[in-house]
Amino acid sequence: MKKYENFCSALTNMQEIYNYDEPYDTVILTGLVGLYEVCFEQAWKLIKAVLEMHGYEQSATGSPKTILKTAYEAGMIKDETLWLKALHERNNVTHSYNKEIALEIVRQAKSDFYDMFCALKNEIDKNWL
């Protein structure tokens, strides 16, 4: 499944966030935010595709928020609040020219979001593919 392969590649790339520590220069910070953004995009698109495969009609809307809520109800993701926070931070990426916003995205990616994506991969591997 191409969306699964894309997500796995993005997750592998996102692991690079742990190779850098603050203070970040502008180029590194921008790149780290980008790694998070790409991984989030691939994650929700994978979730959407897998839900559709399993007959969840709510996933047809294309809205990331609806898809995340459906995935939570289906048991694919375990922490709806964290995923909605990740969606909020993905939406903040457009403001990552603001150093504080960019730093917060990277900090959360390191502390919570990377593990969240790994949990999604494990869940999909075990129960959905």
N, C-alpha and C. Protein backbone atom coordinates (compact mmCIF):
# COMPACT_ATOMS: atom_id res chain seq x y z
N MET A 1 0.86 -1.18 0.00
CA MET A 1 0.00 0.00 0.00
C MET A 1 0.90 1.24 0.00
N LYS A 2 0.74 2.07 -1.00
CA LYS A 2 1.61 3.24 -1.20
C LYS A 2 1.53 4.22 -0.02
N LYS A 3 0.33 4.47 0.51
CA LYS A 3 0.21 5.42 1.62
C LYS A 3 0.95 4.91 2.87
N TYR A 4 0.94 3.61 3.07
CA TYR A 4 1.68 3.03 4.19
C TYR A 4 3.18 3.21 3.97
N GLU A 5 3.64 2.95 2.77
CA GLU A 5 5.06 3.13 2.46
C GLU A 5 5.48 4.59 2.63
N ASN A 6 4.64 5.51 2.18
CA ASN A 6 4.94 6.94 2.33
C ASN A 6 5.04 7.32 3.81
N PHE A 7 4.09 6.83 4.60
CA PHE A 7 4.11 7.13 6.03
C PHE A 7 5.37 6.55 6.68
N CYS A 8 5.71 5.31 6.36
CA CYS A 8 6.90 4.69 6.96
C CYS A 8 8.17 5.46 6.59
N SER A 9 8.25 5.92 5.37
CA SER A 9 9.41 6.73 4.95
C SER A 9 9.46 8.04 5.71
N ALA A 10 8.31 8.69 5.85
CA ALA A 10 8.25 9.96 6.59
C ALA A 10 8.61 9.75 8.05
N LEU A 11 8.15 8.65 8.63
CA LEU A 11 8.47 8.35 10.03
C LEU A 11 9.96 8.10 10.20
N THR A 12 10.56 7.37 9.28
CA THR A 12 12.00 7.14 9.32
C THR A 12 12.75 8.47 9.24
N ASN A 13 12.32 9.33 8.34
CA ASN A 13 12.96 10.64 8.22
C ASN A 13 12.76 11.48 9.47
N MET A 14 11.57 11.40 10.06
CA MET A 14 11.30 12.22 11.24
C MET A 14 12.20 11.86 12.41
N GLN A 15 12.68 10.64 12.43
CA GLN A 15 13.57 10.22 13.51
C GLN A 15 14.82 11.11 13.58
N GLU A 16 15.13 11.76 12.49
CA GLU A 16 16.27 12.68 12.44
C GLU A 16 16.16 13.85 13.43
N ILE A 17 14.93 14.13 13.90
CA ILE A 17 14.77 15.25 14.84
C ILE A 17 15.62 15.06 16.09
N TYR A 18 15.93 13.81 16.42
CA TYR A 18 16.71 13.55 17.63
C TYR A 18 18.21 13.76 17.42
N ASN A 19 18.62 14.04 16.19
CA ASN A 19 20.03 14.29 15.91
C ASN A 19 20.43 15.74 16.17
N TYR A 20 19.48 16.57 16.52
CA TYR A 20 19.74 18.01 16.70
C TYR A 20 19.23 18.47 18.04
N ASP A 21 19.95 19.40 18.63
CA ASP A 21 19.56 19.97 19.92
C ASP A 21 19.56 21.49 19.82
N GLU A 22 18.78 22.10 20.69
CA GLU A 22 18.75 23.56 20.75
C GLU A 22 20.12 24.06 21.23
N PRO A 23 20.51 25.23 20.82
CA PRO A 23 19.79 26.15 19.92
C PRO A 23 19.96 25.73 18.46
N TYR A 24 18.87 25.87 17.71
CA TYR A 24 18.88 25.52 16.30
C TYR A 24 19.12 26.78 15.47
N ASP A 25 19.85 26.62 14.38
CA ASP A 25 19.89 27.75 13.46
C ASP A 25 18.60 27.71 12.64
N THR A 26 18.35 28.74 11.88
CA THR A 26 17.09 28.88 11.16
C THR A 26 16.85 27.74 10.17
N VAL A 27 17.89 27.34 9.47
CA VAL A 27 17.74 26.29 8.47
C VAL A 27 17.39 24.96 9.13
N ILE A 28 18.07 24.62 10.21
CA ILE A 28 17.80 23.36 10.92
C ILE A 28 16.39 23.39 11.50
N LEU A 29 16.01 24.48 12.13
CA LEU A 29 14.69 24.59 12.73
C LEU A 29 13.60 24.43 11.67
N THR A 30 13.78 25.08 10.55
CA THR A 30 12.81 24.98 9.46
C THR A 30 12.72 23.54 8.96
N GLY A 31 13.86 22.89 8.83
CA GLY A 31 13.87 21.50 8.39
C GLY A 31 13.20 20.56 9.37
N LEU A 32 13.41 20.77 10.66
CA LEU A 32 12.79 19.92 11.68
C LEU A 32 11.28 20.08 11.68
N VAL A 33 10.81 21.32 11.53
CA VAL A 33 9.37 21.56 11.43
C VAL A 33 8.83 20.84 10.19
N GLY A 34 9.57 20.91 9.11
CA GLY A 34 9.15 20.24 7.88
C GLY A 34 9.05 18.73 8.03
N LEU A 35 9.99 18.13 8.75
CA LEU A 35 9.94 16.69 8.99
C LEU A 35 8.65 16.32 9.73
N TYR A 36 8.30 17.14 10.72
CA TYR A 36 7.05 16.89 11.46
C TYR A 36 5.84 17.04 10.53
N GLU A 37 5.82 18.11 9.77
CA GLU A 37 4.66 18.37 8.91
C GLU A 37 4.45 17.23 7.91
N VAL A 38 5.50 16.79 7.28
CA VAL A 38 5.38 15.72 6.29
C VAL A 38 4.89 14.44 6.96
N CYS A 39 5.42 14.12 8.12
CA CYS A 39 5.01 12.90 8.82
C CYS A 39 3.53 12.98 9.21
N PHE A 40 3.10 14.13 9.72
CA PHE A 40 1.69 14.27 10.09
C PHE A 40 0.80 14.10 8.86
N GLU A 41 1.17 14.74 7.76
CA GLU A 41 0.37 14.65 6.53
C GLU A 41 0.26 13.20 6.06
N GLN A 42 1.37 12.50 6.07
CA GLN A 42 1.34 11.11 5.63
C GLN A 42 0.55 10.24 6.60
N ALA A 43 0.61 10.55 7.89
CA ALA A 43 -0.12 9.78 8.90
C ALA A 43 -1.63 9.89 8.69
N TRP A 44 -2.14 11.11 8.59
CA TRP A 44 -3.60 11.22 8.49
C TRP A 44 -4.11 10.69 7.16
N LYS A 45 -3.30 10.80 6.11
CA LYS A 45 -3.71 10.25 4.81
C LYS A 45 -3.72 8.72 4.85
N LEU A 46 -2.77 8.13 5.57
CA LEU A 46 -2.77 6.69 5.77
C LEU A 46 -3.99 6.27 6.57
N ILE A 47 -4.27 6.97 7.65
CA ILE A 47 -5.43 6.65 8.47
C ILE A 47 -6.70 6.67 7.61
N LYS A 48 -6.83 7.71 6.82
CA LYS A 48 -7.99 7.85 5.93
C LYS A 48 -8.11 6.64 5.01
N ALA A 49 -7.02 6.26 4.37
CA ALA A 49 -7.03 5.13 3.43
C ALA A 49 -7.39 3.82 4.13
N VAL A 50 -6.82 3.60 5.30
CA VAL A 50 -7.08 2.36 6.03
C VAL A 50 -8.53 2.31 6.51
N LEU A 51 -9.04 3.43 6.99
CA LEU A 51 -10.44 3.46 7.40
C LEU A 51 -11.36 3.17 6.21
N GLU A 52 -11.05 3.75 5.07
CA GLU A 52 -11.85 3.49 3.87
C GLU A 52 -11.81 2.01 3.51
N MET A 53 -10.63 1.40 3.60
CA MET A 53 -10.48 -0.04 3.32
C MET A 53 -11.39 -0.88 4.20
N HIS A 54 -11.59 -0.39 5.43
CA HIS A 54 -12.40 -1.13 6.40
C HIS A 54 -13.85 -0.66 6.44
N GLY A 55 -14.25 0.15 5.46
CA GLY A 55 -15.66 0.51 5.32
C GLY A 55 -16.16 1.66 6.18
N TYR A 56 -15.27 2.46 6.71
CA TYR A 56 -15.70 3.62 7.51
C TYR A 56 -16.05 4.77 6.58
N GLU A 57 -17.34 5.04 6.43
CA GLU A 57 -17.80 6.06 5.49
C GLU A 57 -17.43 7.47 5.92
N GLN A 58 -17.27 7.70 7.22
CA GLN A 58 -16.91 9.03 7.72
C GLN A 58 -15.58 9.49 7.15
N SER A 59 -14.74 8.56 6.76
CA SER A 59 -13.42 8.93 6.26
C SER A 59 -13.48 9.53 4.86
N ALA A 60 -14.64 9.48 4.22
CA ALA A 60 -14.77 10.02 2.86
C ALA A 60 -14.76 11.55 2.84
N THR A 61 -14.96 12.20 3.98
CA THR A 61 -15.05 13.66 4.01
C THR A 61 -13.75 14.33 3.63
N GLY A 62 -12.63 13.72 3.99
CA GLY A 62 -11.34 14.33 3.71
C GLY A 62 -10.88 15.29 4.78
N SER A 63 -11.72 15.57 5.76
CA SER A 63 -11.35 16.47 6.85
C SER A 63 -10.44 15.72 7.84
N PRO A 64 -9.22 16.22 8.07
CA PRO A 64 -8.33 15.54 9.02
C PRO A 64 -8.96 15.37 10.41
N LYS A 65 -9.68 16.38 10.86
CA LYS A 65 -10.28 16.29 12.20
C LYS A 65 -11.31 15.17 12.26
N THR A 66 -12.16 15.07 11.26
CA THR A 66 -13.16 14.01 11.21
C THR A 66 -12.49 12.65 11.12
N ILE A 67 -11.46 12.56 10.33
CA ILE A 67 -10.74 11.29 10.18
C ILE A 67 -10.09 10.87 11.49
N LEU A 68 -9.49 11.82 12.20
CA LEU A 68 -8.87 11.49 13.48
C LEU A 68 -9.91 11.05 14.50
N LYS A 69 -11.04 11.72 14.52
CA LYS A 69 -12.11 11.33 15.45
C LYS A 69 -12.65 9.93 15.11
N THR A 70 -12.79 9.65 13.83
CA THR A 70 -13.24 8.33 13.40
C THR A 70 -12.22 7.26 13.78
N ALA A 71 -10.94 7.57 13.59
CA ALA A 71 -9.87 6.62 13.95
C ALA A 71 -9.88 6.33 15.45
N TYR A 72 -10.16 7.35 16.24
CA TYR A 72 -10.24 7.15 17.70
C TYR A 72 -11.43 6.24 18.04
N GLU A 73 -12.59 6.53 17.45
CA GLU A 73 -13.78 5.72 17.70
C GLU A 73 -13.57 4.28 17.25
N ALA A 74 -12.79 4.08 16.18
CA ALA A 74 -12.53 2.74 15.65
C ALA A 74 -11.44 2.02 16.45
N GLY A 75 -10.75 2.72 17.33
CA GLY A 75 -9.69 2.11 18.12
C GLY A 75 -8.33 2.10 17.44
N MET A 76 -8.22 2.80 16.33
CA MET A 76 -6.94 2.84 15.62
C MET A 76 -5.93 3.72 16.35
N ILE A 77 -6.42 4.84 16.89
CA ILE A 77 -5.56 5.70 17.70
C ILE A 77 -6.11 5.71 19.12
N LYS A 78 -5.21 5.84 20.08
CA LYS A 78 -5.61 5.69 21.49
C LYS A 78 -5.79 7.01 22.21
N ASP A 79 -5.15 8.07 21.73
CA ASP A 79 -5.18 9.36 22.43
C ASP A 79 -5.69 10.44 21.49
N GLU A 80 -7.00 10.59 21.47
CA GLU A 80 -7.62 11.57 20.58
C GLU A 80 -7.13 12.98 20.86
N THR A 81 -6.97 13.33 22.12
CA THR A 81 -6.53 14.67 22.50
C THR A 81 -5.15 14.97 21.93
N LEU A 82 -4.24 14.02 22.02
CA LEU A 82 -2.89 14.22 21.50
C LEU A 82 -2.91 14.38 19.98
N TRP A 83 -3.69 13.56 19.31
CA TRP A 83 -3.79 13.68 17.86
C TRP A 83 -4.38 15.01 17.43
N LEU A 84 -5.39 15.49 18.16
CA LEU A 84 -5.97 16.79 17.82
C LEU A 84 -4.98 17.91 18.11
N LYS A 85 -4.15 17.75 19.13
CA LYS A 85 -3.08 18.70 19.40
C LYS A 85 -2.07 18.68 18.24
N ALA A 86 -1.76 17.50 17.77
CA ALA A 86 -0.83 17.37 16.63
C ALA A 86 -1.41 18.05 15.39
N LEU A 87 -2.72 17.91 15.19
CA LEU A 87 -3.38 18.59 14.07
C LEU A 87 -3.27 20.10 14.24
N HIS A 88 -3.49 20.58 15.45
CA HIS A 88 -3.37 22.01 15.73
C HIS A 88 -1.96 22.50 15.42
N GLU A 89 -0.96 21.75 15.82
CA GLU A 89 0.42 22.13 15.55
C GLU A 89 0.74 22.06 14.06
N ARG A 90 0.16 21.08 13.37
CA ARG A 90 0.34 21.03 11.91
C ARG A 90 -0.22 22.30 11.29
N ASN A 91 -1.36 22.76 11.79
CA ASN A 91 -1.95 24.00 11.27
C ASN A 91 -1.09 25.21 11.61
N ASN A 92 -0.33 25.13 12.70
CA ASN A 92 0.57 26.22 13.09
C ASN A 92 1.84 26.28 12.24
N VAL A 93 2.09 25.25 11.46
CA VAL A 93 3.31 25.22 10.65
C VAL A 93 3.38 26.44 9.74
N THR A 94 2.22 26.94 9.29
CA THR A 94 2.23 28.11 8.43
C THR A 94 2.77 29.34 9.15
N HIS A 95 2.83 29.27 10.47
CA HIS A 95 3.37 30.39 11.26
C HIS A 95 4.77 30.08 11.80
N SER A 96 5.41 29.08 11.23
CA SER A 96 6.71 28.67 11.78
C SER A 96 7.82 29.66 11.49
N TYR A 97 7.52 30.72 10.73
CA TYR A 97 8.47 31.83 10.61
C TYR A 97 8.69 32.47 11.98
N ASN A 98 7.70 32.32 12.87
CA ASN A 98 7.81 32.78 14.25
C ASN A 98 8.62 31.73 15.01
N LYS A 99 9.80 32.11 15.47
CA LYS A 99 10.72 31.14 16.07
C LYS A 99 10.11 30.41 17.26
N GLU A 100 9.34 31.09 18.09
CA GLU A 100 8.73 30.43 19.26
C GLU A 100 7.73 29.35 18.85
N ILE A 101 6.94 29.63 17.83
CA ILE A 101 5.99 28.63 17.33
C ILE A 101 6.75 27.44 16.77
N ALA A 102 7.78 27.70 15.99
CA ALA A 102 8.57 26.62 15.41
C ALA A 102 9.24 25.78 16.50
N LEU A 103 9.79 26.44 17.51
CA LEU A 103 10.42 25.71 18.62
C LEU A 103 9.41 24.83 19.34
N GLU A 104 8.22 25.33 19.56
CA GLU A 104 7.19 24.55 20.25
C GLU A 104 6.80 23.32 19.43
N ILE A 105 6.68 23.48 18.13
CA ILE A 105 6.35 22.34 17.27
C ILE A 105 7.44 21.27 17.39
N VAL A 106 8.70 21.67 17.32
CA VAL A 106 9.80 20.71 17.39
C VAL A 106 9.87 20.06 18.77
N ARG A 107 9.68 20.84 19.81
CA ARG A 107 9.71 20.27 21.17
C ARG A 107 8.63 19.21 21.34
N GLN A 108 7.42 19.52 20.86
CA GLN A 108 6.33 18.55 20.98
C GLN A 108 6.55 17.33 20.08
N ALA A 109 7.14 17.58 18.91
CA ALA A 109 7.45 16.46 18.02
C ALA A 109 8.40 15.49 18.71
N LYS A 110 9.39 16.04 19.40
CA LYS A 110 10.36 15.20 20.10
C LYS A 110 9.75 14.52 21.33
N SER A 111 8.95 15.25 22.08
CA SER A 111 8.46 14.71 23.35
C SER A 111 7.23 13.82 23.20
N ASP A 112 6.38 14.08 22.21
CA ASP A 112 5.11 13.35 22.12
C ASP A 112 4.77 12.80 20.74
N PHE A 113 4.94 13.62 19.71
CA PHE A 113 4.39 13.28 18.41
C PHE A 113 5.12 12.13 17.72
N TYR A 114 6.44 12.05 17.86
CA TYR A 114 7.15 10.94 17.23
C TYR A 114 6.66 9.61 17.79
N ASP A 115 6.55 9.53 19.11
CA ASP A 115 6.06 8.30 19.74
C ASP A 115 4.62 8.01 19.32
N MET A 116 3.82 9.05 19.16
CA MET A 116 2.44 8.91 18.72
C MET A 116 2.39 8.27 17.32
N PHE A 117 3.27 8.73 16.43
CA PHE A 117 3.33 8.17 15.09
C PHE A 117 3.80 6.71 15.12
N CYS A 118 4.77 6.42 15.99
CA CYS A 118 5.24 5.04 16.12
C CYS A 118 4.13 4.12 16.62
N ALA A 119 3.33 4.61 17.55
CA ALA A 119 2.19 3.82 18.06
C ALA A 119 1.18 3.56 16.94
N LEU A 120 0.96 4.55 16.09
CA LEU A 120 0.06 4.36 14.95
C LEU A 120 0.59 3.26 14.04
N LYS A 121 1.87 3.32 13.72
CA LYS A 121 2.47 2.30 12.85
C LYS A 121 2.29 0.91 13.45
N ASN A 122 2.57 0.78 14.74
CA ASN A 122 2.43 -0.51 15.41
C ASN A 122 0.99 -1.00 15.37
N GLU A 123 0.05 -0.11 15.63
CA GLU A 123 -1.37 -0.47 15.62
C GLU A 123 -1.82 -0.92 14.22
N ILE A 124 -1.41 -0.18 13.22
CA ILE A 124 -1.79 -0.54 11.85
C ILE A 124 -1.16 -1.88 11.46
N ASP A 125 0.12 -2.04 11.80
CA ASP A 125 0.80 -3.30 11.50
C ASP A 125 0.08 -4.49 12.12
N LYS A 126 -0.34 -4.36 13.36
CA LYS A 126 -0.92 -5.48 14.12
C LYS A 126 -2.38 -5.75 13.75
N ASN A 127 -3.16 -4.69 13.53
CA ASN A 127 -4.60 -4.88 13.50
C ASN A 127 -5.33 -4.38 12.26
N TRP A 128 -4.66 -3.69 11.36
CA TRP A 128 -5.41 -3.06 10.28
C TRP A 128 -4.97 -3.45 8.88
N LEU A 129 -3.76 -3.96 8.72
CA LEU A 129 -3.31 -4.32 7.36
C LEU A 129 -3.46 -5.81 7.12
